[in-house]
Amino acid sequence: MGLSRRDLMKKAGMAAVGTGLAGISLAMASQAIGAGEQQNKIPDLPWPYKKLDPEATAELAYAGYYKGACGYGVSNRL
């Protein structure tokens, strides 16, 4: 038995409604989870410059590569 156009539209509509409800419930849950926590204040711009030791930075970035690949190695050190 094949799938009729009407059945396809019903299933697509149910999927869209289900996706929308899931998105709304996840958004509400994330707000409820963070509601009791104090928000961290982002420092005002411009952020202060801190000079990095090139040798130490290179070593830590190299070691970080093996924890989570290229981007992790660089951003973990900075």
C-alpha atoms as a PDB file:
ATOM      1  CA  MET A   1       0.000   0.000   0.000  1.00  0.00           C
ATOM      2  CA  GLY A   2       1.420   3.347  -1.010  1.00  0.00           C
ATOM      3  CA  LEU A   3       1.491   6.627   0.825  1.00  0.00           C
ATOM      4  CA  SER A   4      -1.165   9.062  -0.343  1.00  0.00           C
ATOM      5  CA  ARG A   5      -0.610  12.780  -0.620  1.00  0.00           C
ATOM      6  CA  ARG A   6      -3.061  13.390   2.222  1.00  0.00           C
ATOM      7  CA  ASP A   7      -1.188  10.985   4.524  1.00  0.00           C
ATOM      8  CA  LEU A   8       2.111  12.597   3.622  1.00  0.00           C
ATOM      9  CA  MET A   9       0.772  16.062   4.480  1.00  0.00           C
ATOM     10  CA  LYS A  10      -0.638  14.790   7.807  1.00  0.00           C
ATOM     11  CA  LYS A  11       2.673  13.215   8.778  1.00  0.00           C
ATOM     12  CA  ALA A  12       4.662  16.276   7.697  1.00  0.00           C
ATOM     13  CA  GLY A  13       2.349  18.511   9.716  1.00  0.00           C
ATOM     14  CA  MET A  14       2.657  16.305  12.796  1.00  0.00           C
ATOM     15  CA  ALA A  15       6.442  16.322  12.443  1.00  0.00           C
ATOM     16  CA  ALA A  16       6.504  20.122  12.165  1.00  0.00           C
ATOM     17  CA  VAL A  17       4.267  20.534  15.226  1.00  0.00           C
ATOM     18  CA  GLY A  18       6.339  18.022  17.183  1.00  0.00           C
ATOM     19  CA  THR A  19       9.553  19.813  16.267  1.00  0.00           C
ATOM     20  CA  GLY A  20       8.071  23.161  17.282  1.00  0.00           C
ATOM     21  CA  LEU A  21       6.872  21.829  20.635  1.00  0.00           C
ATOM     22  CA  ALA A  22      10.243  20.215  21.298  1.00  0.00           C
ATOM     23  CA  GLY A  23      11.996  23.510  20.549  1.00  0.00           C
ATOM     24  CA  ILE A  24       9.702  25.455  22.846  1.00  0.00           C
ATOM     25  CA  SER A  25      10.092  22.964  25.684  1.00  0.00           C
ATOM     26  CA  LEU A  26      13.890  22.969  25.347  1.00  0.00           C
ATOM     27  CA  ALA A  27      13.957  26.769  25.392  1.00  0.00           C
ATOM     28  CA  MET A  28      11.786  26.847  28.509  1.00  0.00           C
ATOM     29  CA  ALA A  29      13.946  24.194  30.190  1.00  0.00           C
ATOM     30  CA  SER A  30      17.163  26.102  29.505  1.00  0.00           C
ATOM     31  CA  GLN A  31      15.643  29.250  31.018  1.00  0.00           C
ATOM     32  CA  ALA A  32      14.489  27.322  34.083  1.00  0.00           C
ATOM     33  CA  ILE A  33      17.899  25.708  34.569  1.00  0.00           C
ATOM     34  CA  GLY A  34      19.759  29.018  34.440  1.00  0.00           C
ATOM     35  CA  ALA A  35      17.146  30.942  36.433  1.00  0.00           C
ATOM     36  CA  GLY A  36      18.697  30.319  39.858  1.00  0.00           C
ATOM     37  CA  GLU A  37      22.287  30.861  38.808  1.00  0.00           C
ATOM     38  CA  GLN A  38      23.998  34.207  38.979  1.00  0.00           C
ATOM     39  CA  GLN A  39      24.984  35.453  35.539  1.00  0.00           C
ATOM     40  CA  ASN A  40      28.673  36.133  34.939  1.00  0.00           C
ATOM     41  CA  LYS A  41      29.409  39.735  34.025  1.00  0.00           C
ATOM     42  CA  ILE A  42      31.431  40.157  30.865  1.00  0.00           C
ATOM     43  CA  PRO A  43      34.286  42.633  31.377  1.00  0.00           C
ATOM     44  CA  ASP A  44      34.038  45.948  29.580  1.00  0.00           C
ATOM     45  CA  LEU A  45      35.845  46.429  26.303  1.00  0.00           C
ATOM     46  CA  PRO A  46      38.666  46.768  25.458  1.00  0.00           C
ATOM     47  CA  TRP A  47      39.872  43.688  27.280  1.00  0.00           C
ATOM     48  CA  PRO A  48      43.317  44.053  28.812  1.00  0.00           C
ATOM     49  CA  TYR A  49      46.217  42.700  26.801  1.00  0.00           C
ATOM     50  CA  LYS A  50      48.271  39.971  28.425  1.00  0.00           C
ATOM     51  CA  LYS A  51      51.600  39.051  26.911  1.00  0.00           C
ATOM     52  CA  LEU A  52      52.007  35.303  26.351  1.00  0.00           C
ATOM     53  CA  ASP A  53      55.226  33.342  26.487  1.00  0.00           C
ATOM     54  CA  PRO A  54      55.551  31.896  22.942  1.00  0.00           C
ATOM     55  CA  GLU A  55      57.375  28.739  24.055  1.00  0.00           C
ATOM     56  CA  ALA A  56      54.904  27.878  26.813  1.00  0.00           C
ATOM     57  CA  THR A  57      51.947  28.673  24.558  1.00  0.00           C
ATOM     58  CA  ALA A  58      53.295  26.463  21.780  1.00  0.00           C
ATOM     59  CA  GLU A  59      53.848  23.538  24.150  1.00  0.00           C
ATOM     60  CA  LEU A  60      50.370  23.767  25.660  1.00  0.00           C
ATOM     61  CA  ALA A  61      48.688  24.173  22.266  1.00  0.00           C
ATOM     62  CA  TYR A  62      50.624  21.156  20.952  1.00  0.00           C
ATOM     63  CA  ALA A  63      49.524  19.069  23.940  1.00  0.00           C
ATOM     64  CA  GLY A  64      45.937  20.342  23.588  1.00  0.00           C
ATOM     65  CA  TYR A  65      45.777  19.058  20.020  1.00  0.00           C
ATOM     66  CA  TYR A  66      45.763  15.495  21.313  1.00  0.00           C
ATOM     67  CA  LYS A  67      42.886  16.227  23.699  1.00  0.00           C
ATOM     68  CA  GLY A  68      40.441  17.617  21.149  1.00  0.00           C
ATOM     69  CA  ALA A  69      42.084  18.321  17.768  1.00  0.00           C
ATOM     70  CA  CYS A  70      43.289  21.531  16.130  1.00  0.00           C
ATOM     71  CA  GLY A  71      40.810  24.175  17.279  1.00  0.00           C
ATOM     72  CA  TYR A  72      40.741  22.850  20.825  1.00  0.00           C
ATOM     73  CA  GLY A  73      44.522  22.963  21.102  1.00  0.00           C
ATOM     74  CA  VAL A  74      44.689  26.613  20.114  1.00  0.00           C
ATOM     75  CA  SER A  75      41.666  27.892  22.011  1.00  0.00           C
ATOM     76  CA  ASN A  76      42.481  25.889  25.130  1.00  0.00           C
ATOM     77  CA  ARG A  77      45.751  27.751  25.533  1.00  0.00           C
ATOM     78  CA  LEU A  78      44.378  31.199  24.862  1.00  0.00           C
END
